[in-house]
Full PDB file with SEQRES, HELIX, SHEET, SSBOND, CRYST1, ORIGX, SCALE, CONECT and MASTER records, all heavy atoms in Angstrom:
SEQRES   1 A   33  ASN LEU ALA PRO ASP SER ASP GLY TYR LEU TRP VAL LYS          
SEQRES   2 A   33  PRO ALA LEU TYR HIS GLU SER PHE CYS GLN ASP LEU THR          
SEQRES   3 A   33  PRO THR GLU GLY LEU VAL LEU                                  
HELIX    1 AA1 PRO A   14  LEU A   16  5                                   3    
HELIX    2 AA2 TYR A   17  PHE A   21  1                                   5    
HELIX    3 AA3 PRO A   27  VAL A   32  1                                   6    
SHEET    1 AA1 2 LEU A   2  PRO A   4  0                                        
SHEET    2 AA1 2 LEU A  10  VAL A  12 -1                                        
CRYST1    1.000    1.000    1.000  90.00  90.00  90.00 P 1           1          
ORIGX1      1.000000  0.000000  0.000000        0.00000                         
ORIGX2      0.000000  1.000000  0.000000        0.00000                         
ORIGX3      0.000000  0.000000  1.000000        0.00000                         
SCALE1      1.000000  0.000000  0.000000        0.00000                         
SCALE2      0.000000  1.000000  0.000000        0.00000                         
SCALE3      0.000000  0.000000  1.000000        0.00000                         
ATOM      1  N   ASN A   1      -2.293  -7.916   3.455  1.00  0.00           N  
ATOM      2  CA  ASN A   1      -1.388  -7.050   2.703  1.00  0.00           C  
ATOM      3  C   ASN A   1      -0.651  -6.055   3.589  1.00  0.00           C  
ATOM      4  O   ASN A   1       0.046  -5.173   3.087  1.00  0.00           O  
ATOM      5  CB  ASN A   1      -2.157  -6.310   1.614  1.00  0.00           C  
ATOM      6  CG  ASN A   1      -2.773  -7.256   0.607  1.00  0.00           C  
ATOM      7  OD1 ASN A   1      -2.349  -8.396   0.479  1.00  0.00           O  
ATOM      8  ND2 ASN A   1      -3.786  -6.794  -0.106  1.00  0.00           N  
ATOM      9  N   LEU A   2      -0.803  -6.211   4.906  1.00  0.00           N  
ATOM     10  CA  LEU A   2      -0.062  -5.393   5.866  1.00  0.00           C  
ATOM     11  C   LEU A   2       1.175  -6.160   6.310  1.00  0.00           C  
ATOM     12  O   LEU A   2       1.112  -7.376   6.548  1.00  0.00           O  
ATOM     13  CB  LEU A   2      -0.936  -5.084   7.086  1.00  0.00           C  
ATOM     14  CG  LEU A   2      -2.188  -4.244   6.825  1.00  0.00           C  
ATOM     15  CD1 LEU A   2      -3.077  -4.242   8.063  1.00  0.00           C  
ATOM     16  CD2 LEU A   2      -1.815  -2.826   6.443  1.00  0.00           C  
ATOM     17  N   ALA A   3       2.290  -5.449   6.438  1.00  0.00           N  
ATOM     18  CA  ALA A   3       3.525  -6.123   6.823  1.00  0.00           C  
ATOM     19  C   ALA A   3       4.405  -5.185   7.644  1.00  0.00           C  
ATOM     20  O   ALA A   3       4.694  -4.069   7.204  1.00  0.00           O  
ATOM     21  CB  ALA A   3       4.287  -6.593   5.587  1.00  0.00           C  
ATOM     22  N   PRO A   4       4.841  -5.636   8.847  1.00  0.00           N  
ATOM     23  CA  PRO A   4       5.765  -4.809   9.628  1.00  0.00           C  
ATOM     24  C   PRO A   4       7.180  -4.941   9.094  1.00  0.00           C  
ATOM     25  O   PRO A   4       7.563  -5.988   8.556  1.00  0.00           O  
ATOM     26  CB  PRO A   4       5.647  -5.408  11.031  1.00  0.00           C  
ATOM     27  CG  PRO A   4       5.290  -6.845  10.792  1.00  0.00           C  
ATOM     28  CD  PRO A   4       4.457  -6.868   9.543  1.00  0.00           C  
ATOM     29  N   ASP A   5       7.967  -3.858   9.232  1.00  0.00           N  
ATOM     30  CA  ASP A   5       9.370  -3.961   8.871  1.00  0.00           C  
ATOM     31  C   ASP A   5      10.186  -4.369  10.098  1.00  0.00           C  
ATOM     32  O   ASP A   5       9.634  -4.640  11.178  1.00  0.00           O  
ATOM     33  CB  ASP A   5       9.881  -2.660   8.232  1.00  0.00           C  
ATOM     34  CG  ASP A   5       9.841  -1.465   9.180  1.00  0.00           C  
ATOM     35  OD1 ASP A   5       9.775  -1.655  10.416  1.00  0.00           O  
ATOM     36  OD2 ASP A   5       9.893  -0.323   8.678  1.00  0.00           O  
ATOM     37  N   SER A   6      11.487  -4.428   9.949  1.00  0.00           N  
ATOM     38  CA  SER A   6      12.341  -4.915  11.033  1.00  0.00           C  
ATOM     39  C   SER A   6      12.374  -3.977  12.230  1.00  0.00           C  
ATOM     40  O   SER A   6      12.820  -4.363  13.312  1.00  0.00           O  
ATOM     41  CB  SER A   6      13.765  -5.141  10.515  1.00  0.00           C  
ATOM     42  OG  SER A   6      14.301  -3.934   9.990  1.00  0.00           O  
ATOM     43  N   ASP A   7      11.917  -2.737  12.059  1.00  0.00           N  
ATOM     44  CA  ASP A   7      11.853  -1.777  13.160  1.00  0.00           C  
ATOM     45  C   ASP A   7      10.474  -1.711  13.801  1.00  0.00           C  
ATOM     46  O   ASP A   7      10.252  -0.919  14.718  1.00  0.00           O  
ATOM     47  CB  ASP A   7      12.242  -0.375  12.665  1.00  0.00           C  
ATOM     48  CG  ASP A   7      13.702  -0.300  12.246  1.00  0.00           C  
ATOM     49  OD1 ASP A   7      14.553  -0.854  12.978  1.00  0.00           O  
ATOM     50  OD2 ASP A   7      13.983   0.296  11.188  1.00  0.00           O  
ATOM     51  N   GLY A   8       9.528  -2.519  13.295  1.00  0.00           N  
ATOM     52  CA  GLY A   8       8.213  -2.571  13.897  1.00  0.00           C  
ATOM     53  C   GLY A   8       7.186  -1.629  13.303  1.00  0.00           C  
ATOM     54  O   GLY A   8       6.071  -1.530  13.826  1.00  0.00           O  
ATOM     55  N   TYR A   9       7.540  -0.935  12.223  1.00  0.00           N  
ATOM     56  CA  TYR A   9       6.569  -0.054  11.564  1.00  0.00           C  
ATOM     57  C   TYR A   9       5.714  -0.869  10.599  1.00  0.00           C  
ATOM     58  O   TYR A   9       6.223  -1.731   9.878  1.00  0.00           O  
ATOM     59  CB  TYR A   9       7.290   1.072  10.820  1.00  0.00           C  
ATOM     60  CG  TYR A   9       7.894   2.092  11.756  1.00  0.00           C  
ATOM     61  CD1 TYR A   9       9.174   1.928  12.274  1.00  0.00           C  
ATOM     62  CD2 TYR A   9       7.172   3.214  12.154  1.00  0.00           C  
ATOM     63  CE1 TYR A   9       9.728   2.854  13.158  1.00  0.00           C  
ATOM     64  CE2 TYR A   9       7.710   4.154  13.028  1.00  0.00           C  
ATOM     65  CZ  TYR A   9       8.985   3.960  13.529  1.00  0.00           C  
ATOM     66  OH  TYR A   9       9.521   4.870  14.404  1.00  0.00           O  
ATOM     67  N   LEU A  10       4.414  -0.575  10.597  1.00  0.00           N  
ATOM     68  CA  LEU A  10       3.464  -1.381   9.839  1.00  0.00           C  
ATOM     69  C   LEU A  10       3.130  -0.707   8.515  1.00  0.00           C  
ATOM     70  O   LEU A  10       2.601   0.403   8.489  1.00  0.00           O  
ATOM     71  CB  LEU A  10       2.189  -1.586  10.665  1.00  0.00           C  
ATOM     72  CG  LEU A  10       1.170  -2.573  10.105  1.00  0.00           C  
ATOM     73  CD1 LEU A  10       1.766  -3.985  10.056  1.00  0.00           C  
ATOM     74  CD2 LEU A  10      -0.099  -2.558  10.952  1.00  0.00           C  
ATOM     75  N   TRP A  11       3.403  -1.387   7.429  1.00  0.00           N  
ATOM     76  CA  TRP A  11       3.195  -0.853   6.085  1.00  0.00           C  
ATOM     77  C   TRP A  11       2.129  -1.647   5.343  1.00  0.00           C  
ATOM     78  O   TRP A  11       1.984  -2.854   5.538  1.00  0.00           O  
ATOM     79  CB  TRP A  11       4.487  -0.940   5.264  1.00  0.00           C  
ATOM     80  CG  TRP A  11       5.650  -0.213   5.851  1.00  0.00           C  
ATOM     81  CD1 TRP A  11       6.528  -0.671   6.799  1.00  0.00           C  
ATOM     82  CD2 TRP A  11       6.067   1.125   5.540  1.00  0.00           C  
ATOM     83  NE1 TRP A  11       7.457   0.284   7.088  1.00  0.00           N  
ATOM     84  CE2 TRP A  11       7.209   1.401   6.335  1.00  0.00           C  
ATOM     85  CE3 TRP A  11       5.587   2.103   4.666  1.00  0.00           C  
ATOM     86  CZ2 TRP A  11       7.867   2.620   6.278  1.00  0.00           C  
ATOM     87  CZ3 TRP A  11       6.259   3.312   4.609  1.00  0.00           C  
ATOM     88  CH2 TRP A  11       7.384   3.568   5.408  1.00  0.00           C  
ATOM     89  N   VAL A  12       1.409  -0.959   4.471  1.00  0.00           N  
ATOM     90  CA  VAL A  12       0.677  -1.660   3.419  1.00  0.00           C  
ATOM     91  C   VAL A  12       1.700  -1.954   2.336  1.00  0.00           C  
ATOM     92  O   VAL A  12       2.421  -1.045   1.897  1.00  0.00           O  
ATOM     93  CB  VAL A  12      -0.464  -0.800   2.845  1.00  0.00           C  
ATOM     94  CG1 VAL A  12      -1.197  -1.574   1.751  1.00  0.00           C  
ATOM     95  CG2 VAL A  12      -1.428  -0.374   3.939  1.00  0.00           C  
ATOM     96  N   LYS A  13       1.813  -3.202   1.925  1.00  0.00           N  
ATOM     97  CA  LYS A  13       2.792  -3.550   0.903  1.00  0.00           C  
ATOM     98  C   LYS A  13       2.587  -2.628  -0.310  1.00  0.00           C  
ATOM     99  O   LYS A  13       1.491  -2.596  -0.879  1.00  0.00           O  
ATOM    100  CB  LYS A  13       2.629  -5.007   0.493  1.00  0.00           C  
ATOM    101  CG  LYS A  13       2.917  -5.986   1.623  1.00  0.00           C  
ATOM    102  CD  LYS A  13       2.616  -7.424   1.220  1.00  0.00           C  
ATOM    103  CE  LYS A  13       2.837  -8.372   2.384  1.00  0.00           C  
ATOM    104  NZ  LYS A  13       2.484  -9.777   2.037  1.00  0.00           N  
ATOM    105  N   PRO A  14       3.624  -1.846  -0.668  1.00  0.00           N  
ATOM    106  CA  PRO A  14       3.450  -0.832  -1.709  1.00  0.00           C  
ATOM    107  C   PRO A  14       2.861  -1.361  -3.016  1.00  0.00           C  
ATOM    108  O   PRO A  14       2.016  -0.699  -3.632  1.00  0.00           O  
ATOM    109  CB  PRO A  14       4.868  -0.292  -1.914  1.00  0.00           C  
ATOM    110  CG  PRO A  14       5.505  -0.467  -0.570  1.00  0.00           C  
ATOM    111  CD  PRO A  14       4.971  -1.770  -0.048  1.00  0.00           C  
ATOM    112  N   ALA A  15       3.270  -2.549  -3.436  1.00  0.00           N  
ATOM    113  CA  ALA A  15       2.768  -3.100  -4.697  1.00  0.00           C  
ATOM    114  C   ALA A  15       1.277  -3.438  -4.616  1.00  0.00           C  
ATOM    115  O   ALA A  15       0.608  -3.557  -5.645  1.00  0.00           O  
ATOM    116  CB  ALA A  15       3.559  -4.347  -5.076  1.00  0.00           C  
ATOM    117  N   LEU A  16       0.772  -3.585  -3.388  1.00  0.00           N  
ATOM    118  CA  LEU A  16      -0.631  -3.944  -3.185  1.00  0.00           C  
ATOM    119  C   LEU A  16      -1.437  -2.785  -2.602  1.00  0.00           C  
ATOM    120  O   LEU A  16      -2.595  -2.968  -2.221  1.00  0.00           O  
ATOM    121  CB  LEU A  16      -0.719  -5.162  -2.254  1.00  0.00           C  
ATOM    122  CG  LEU A  16       0.014  -6.411  -2.735  1.00  0.00           C  
ATOM    123  CD1 LEU A  16      -0.071  -7.518  -1.685  1.00  0.00           C  
ATOM    124  CD2 LEU A  16      -0.558  -6.898  -4.065  1.00  0.00           C  
ATOM    125  N   TYR A  17      -0.831  -1.615  -2.550  1.00  0.00           N  
ATOM    126  CA  TYR A  17      -1.494  -0.473  -1.912  1.00  0.00           C  
ATOM    127  C   TYR A  17      -2.764  -0.073  -2.662  1.00  0.00           C  
ATOM    128  O   TYR A  17      -3.803   0.180  -2.050  1.00  0.00           O  
ATOM    129  CB  TYR A  17      -0.536   0.719  -1.847  1.00  0.00           C  
ATOM    130  CG  TYR A  17      -0.987   1.814  -0.916  1.00  0.00           C  
ATOM    131  CD1 TYR A  17      -0.589   1.830   0.411  1.00  0.00           C  
ATOM    132  CD2 TYR A  17      -1.829   2.844  -1.358  1.00  0.00           C  
ATOM    133  CE1 TYR A  17      -1.003   2.832   1.285  1.00  0.00           C  
ATOM    134  CE2 TYR A  17      -2.246   3.847  -0.499  1.00  0.00           C  
ATOM    135  CZ  TYR A  17      -1.833   3.834   0.819  1.00  0.00           C  
ATOM    136  OH  TYR A  17      -2.261   4.820   1.671  1.00  0.00           O  
ATOM    137  N   HIS A  18      -2.689  -0.026  -3.968  1.00  0.00           N  
ATOM    138  CA  HIS A  18      -3.851   0.395  -4.756  1.00  0.00           C  
ATOM    139  C   HIS A  18      -5.040  -0.519  -4.494  1.00  0.00           C  
ATOM    140  O   HIS A  18      -6.151  -0.048  -4.195  1.00  0.00           O  
ATOM    141  CB  HIS A  18      -3.504   0.405  -6.246  1.00  0.00           C  
ATOM    142  CG  HIS A  18      -4.660   0.803  -7.118  1.00  0.00           C  
ATOM    143  ND1 HIS A  18      -5.213  -0.062  -8.038  1.00  0.00           N  
ATOM    144  CD2 HIS A  18      -5.383   1.956  -7.194  1.00  0.00           C  
ATOM    145  CE1 HIS A  18      -6.219   0.549  -8.647  1.00  0.00           C  
ATOM    146  NE2 HIS A  18      -6.349   1.767  -8.157  1.00  0.00           N  
ATOM    147  N   GLU A  19      -4.853  -1.810  -4.588  1.00  0.00           N  
ATOM    148  CA  GLU A  19      -5.973  -2.740  -4.406  1.00  0.00           C  
ATOM    149  C   GLU A  19      -6.424  -2.832  -2.953  1.00  0.00           C  
ATOM    150  O   GLU A  19      -7.570  -3.199  -2.680  1.00  0.00           O  
ATOM    151  CB  GLU A  19      -5.606  -4.135  -4.905  1.00  0.00           C  
ATOM    152  CG  GLU A  19      -4.538  -4.843  -4.078  1.00  0.00           C  
ATOM    153  CD  GLU A  19      -4.234  -6.236  -4.592  1.00  0.00           C  
ATOM    154  OE1 GLU A  19      -3.681  -6.349  -5.714  1.00  0.00           O  
ATOM    155  OE2 GLU A  19      -4.550  -7.201  -3.886  1.00  0.00           O  
ATOM    156  N   SER A  20      -5.551  -2.448  -2.014  1.00  0.00           N  
ATOM    157  CA  SER A  20      -5.870  -2.564  -0.596  1.00  0.00           C  
ATOM    158  C   SER A  20      -6.527  -1.321  -0.025  1.00  0.00           C  
ATOM    159  O   SER A  20      -7.454  -1.414   0.780  1.00  0.00           O  
ATOM    160  CB  SER A  20      -4.587  -2.835   0.212  1.00  0.00           C  
ATOM    161  OG  SER A  20      -3.916  -3.973  -0.254  1.00  0.00           O  
ATOM    162  N   PHE A  21      -6.049  -0.163  -0.425  1.00  0.00           N  
ATOM    163  CA  PHE A  21      -6.380   1.096   0.243  1.00  0.00           C  
ATOM    164  C   PHE A  21      -7.262   2.019  -0.601  1.00  0.00           C  
ATOM    165  O   PHE A  21      -8.116   2.723  -0.058  1.00  0.00           O  
ATOM    166  CB  PHE A  21      -5.075   1.827   0.578  1.00  0.00           C  
ATOM    167  CG  PHE A  21      -5.178   2.852   1.670  1.00  0.00           C  
ATOM    168  CD1 PHE A  21      -4.788   2.547   2.969  1.00  0.00           C  
ATOM    169  CD2 PHE A  21      -5.643   4.132   1.403  1.00  0.00           C  
ATOM    170  CE1 PHE A  21      -4.860   3.491   3.982  1.00  0.00           C  
ATOM    171  CE2 PHE A  21      -5.717   5.095   2.410  1.00  0.00           C  
ATOM    172  CZ  PHE A  21      -5.333   4.771   3.704  1.00  0.00           C  
ATOM    173  N   CYS A  22      -7.055   2.018  -1.894  1.00  0.00           N  
ATOM    174  CA  CYS A  22      -7.681   3.055  -2.729  1.00  0.00           C  
ATOM    175  C   CYS A  22      -8.007   2.529  -4.117  1.00  0.00           C  
ATOM    176  O   CYS A  22      -7.645   3.141  -5.118  1.00  0.00           O  
ATOM    177  CB  CYS A  22      -6.770   4.269  -2.823  1.00  0.00           C  
ATOM    178  SG  CYS A  22      -5.089   3.905  -3.396  1.00  0.00           S  
ATOM    179  N   GLN A  23      -8.723   1.413  -4.185  1.00  0.00           N  
ATOM    180  CA  GLN A  23      -9.009   0.771  -5.471  1.00  0.00           C  
ATOM    181  C   GLN A  23      -9.898   1.608  -6.378  1.00  0.00           C  
ATOM    182  O   GLN A  23      -9.993   1.335  -7.582  1.00  0.00           O  
ATOM    183  CB  GLN A  23      -9.631  -0.616  -5.247  1.00  0.00           C  
ATOM    184  CG  GLN A  23     -11.071  -0.617  -4.720  1.00  0.00           C  
ATOM    185  CD  GLN A  23     -11.169  -0.551  -3.209  1.00  0.00           C  
ATOM    186  OE1 GLN A  23     -10.200  -0.240  -2.541  1.00  0.00           O  
ATOM    187  NE2 GLN A  23     -12.341  -0.873  -2.679  1.00  0.00           N  
ATOM    188  N   ASP A  24     -10.534   2.656  -5.835  1.00  0.00           N  
ATOM    189  CA  ASP A  24     -11.354   3.528  -6.670  1.00  0.00           C  
ATOM    190  C   ASP A  24     -10.605   4.764  -7.165  1.00  0.00           C  
ATOM    191  O   ASP A  24     -11.199   5.655  -7.766  1.00  0.00           O  
ATOM    192  CB  ASP A  24     -12.644   3.935  -5.951  1.00  0.00           C  
ATOM    193  CG  ASP A  24     -12.417   4.441  -4.540  1.00  0.00           C  
ATOM    194  OD1 ASP A  24     -11.241   4.487  -4.095  1.00  0.00           O  
ATOM    195  OD2 ASP A  24     -13.402   4.783  -3.870  1.00  0.00           O  
ATOM    196  N   LEU A  25      -9.302   4.815  -6.932  1.00  0.00           N  
ATOM    197  CA  LEU A  25      -8.438   5.802  -7.583  1.00  0.00           C  
ATOM    198  C   LEU A  25      -7.725   5.117  -8.743  1.00  0.00           C  
ATOM    199  O   LEU A  25      -7.835   3.905  -8.929  1.00  0.00           O  
ATOM    200  CB  LEU A  25      -7.420   6.357  -6.580  1.00  0.00           C  
ATOM    201  CG  LEU A  25      -7.977   7.125  -5.376  1.00  0.00           C  
ATOM    202  CD1 LEU A  25      -6.843   7.576  -4.468  1.00  0.00           C  
ATOM    203  CD2 LEU A  25      -8.807   8.322  -5.822  1.00  0.00           C  
ATOM    204  N   THR A  26      -6.963   5.873  -9.525  1.00  0.00           N  
ATOM    205  CA  THR A  26      -6.252   5.258 -10.645  1.00  0.00           C  
ATOM    206  C   THR A  26      -5.062   4.452 -10.125  1.00  0.00           C  
ATOM    207  O   THR A  26      -4.552   4.723  -9.022  1.00  0.00           O  
ATOM    208  CB  THR A  26      -5.739   6.329 -11.624  1.00  0.00           C  
ATOM    209  OG1 THR A  26      -4.702   7.088 -10.977  1.00  0.00           O  
ATOM    210  CG2 THR A  26      -6.863   7.258 -12.068  1.00  0.00           C  
ATOM    211  N   PRO A  27      -4.602   3.483 -10.885  1.00  0.00           N  
ATOM    212  CA  PRO A  27      -3.419   2.733 -10.463  1.00  0.00           C  
ATOM    213  C   PRO A  27      -2.209   3.626 -10.210  1.00  0.00           C  
ATOM    214  O   PRO A  27      -1.434   3.373  -9.287  1.00  0.00           O  
ATOM    215  CB  PRO A  27      -3.169   1.775 -11.637  1.00  0.00           C  
ATOM    216  CG  PRO A  27      -4.527   1.569 -12.231  1.00  0.00           C  
ATOM    217  CD  PRO A  27      -5.210   2.904 -12.106  1.00  0.00           C  
ATOM    218  N   THR A  28      -2.040   4.663 -11.007  1.00  0.00           N  
ATOM    219  CA  THR A  28      -0.915   5.579 -10.804  1.00  0.00           C  
ATOM    220  C   THR A  28      -1.047   6.307  -9.472  1.00  0.00           C  
ATOM    221  O   THR A  28      -0.065   6.451  -8.727  1.00  0.00           O  
ATOM    222  CB  THR A  28      -0.818   6.595 -11.946  1.00  0.00           C  
ATOM    223  OG1 THR A  28      -0.606   5.892 -13.179  1.00  0.00           O  
ATOM    224  CG2 THR A  28       0.327   7.568 -11.720  1.00  0.00           C  
ATOM    225  N   GLU A  29      -2.252   6.777  -9.168  1.00  0.00           N  
ATOM    226  CA  GLU A  29      -2.482   7.437  -7.877  1.00  0.00           C  
ATOM    227  C   GLU A  29      -2.213   6.467  -6.735  1.00  0.00           C  
ATOM    228  O   GLU A  29      -1.608   6.827  -5.718  1.00  0.00           O  
ATOM    229  CB  GLU A  29      -3.914   7.959  -7.810  1.00  0.00           C  
ATOM    230  CG  GLU A  29      -4.179   9.159  -8.703  1.00  0.00           C  
ATOM    231  CD  GLU A  29      -5.636   9.525  -8.786  1.00  0.00           C  
ATOM    232  OE1 GLU A  29      -6.492   8.608  -8.805  1.00  0.00           O  
ATOM    233  OE2 GLU A  29      -5.949  10.733  -8.830  1.00  0.00           O  
ATOM    234  N   GLY A  30      -2.634   5.227  -6.902  1.00  0.00           N  
ATOM    235  CA  GLY A  30      -2.387   4.226  -5.878  1.00  0.00           C  
ATOM    236  C   GLY A  30      -0.909   3.950  -5.692  1.00  0.00           C  
ATOM    237  O   GLY A  30      -0.438   3.764  -4.566  1.00  0.00           O  
ATOM    238  N   LEU A  31      -0.170   3.936  -6.791  1.00  0.00           N  
ATOM    239  CA  LEU A  31       1.276   3.724  -6.725  1.00  0.00           C  
ATOM    240  C   LEU A  31       1.945   4.843  -5.946  1.00  0.00           C  
ATOM    241  O   LEU A  31       2.779   4.594  -5.062  1.00  0.00           O  
ATOM    242  CB  LEU A  31       1.849   3.640  -8.132  1.00  0.00           C  
ATOM    243  CG  LEU A  31       3.370   3.525  -8.247  1.00  0.00           C  
ATOM    244  CD1 LEU A  31       3.855   2.237  -7.588  1.00  0.00           C  
ATOM    245  CD2 LEU A  31       3.801   3.576  -9.711  1.00  0.00           C  
ATOM    246  N   VAL A  32       1.574   6.084  -6.256  1.00  0.00           N  
ATOM    247  CA  VAL A  32       2.171   7.232  -5.571  1.00  0.00           C  
ATOM    248  C   VAL A  32       1.827   7.213  -4.087  1.00  0.00           C  
ATOM    249  O   VAL A  32       2.695   7.410  -3.224  1.00  0.00           O  
ATOM    250  CB  VAL A  32       1.691   8.546  -6.219  1.00  0.00           C  
ATOM    251  CG1 VAL A  32       2.145   9.743  -5.384  1.00  0.00           C  
ATOM    252  CG2 VAL A  32       2.228   8.663  -7.641  1.00  0.00           C  
ATOM    253  N   LEU A  33       0.567   6.957  -3.767  1.00  0.00           N  
ATOM    254  CA  LEU A  33       0.157   6.916  -2.358  1.00  0.00           C  
ATOM    255  C   LEU A  33       0.861   5.789  -1.613  1.00  0.00           C  
ATOM    256  O   LEU A  33       1.203   5.931  -0.434  1.00  0.00           O  
ATOM    257  CB  LEU A  33      -1.362   6.758  -2.262  1.00  0.00           C  
ATOM    258  CG  LEU A  33      -2.184   7.980  -2.680  1.00  0.00           C  
ATOM    259  CD1 LEU A  33      -3.669   7.642  -2.674  1.00  0.00           C  
ATOM    260  CD2 LEU A  33      -1.905   9.161  -1.765  1.00  0.00           C  
TER     261      LEU A  33                                                      
MASTER        0    0    0    3    2    0    0    6  260    1    0    3          
END                                                                             
């Protein structure tokens, strides 16, 4: 669920951030983060 952009910066795919990074927070909190 990690993906670099065209400039080489590495992102957690925003739509998958909640399930990847913070699944024990609320989905809304995960969306914002």
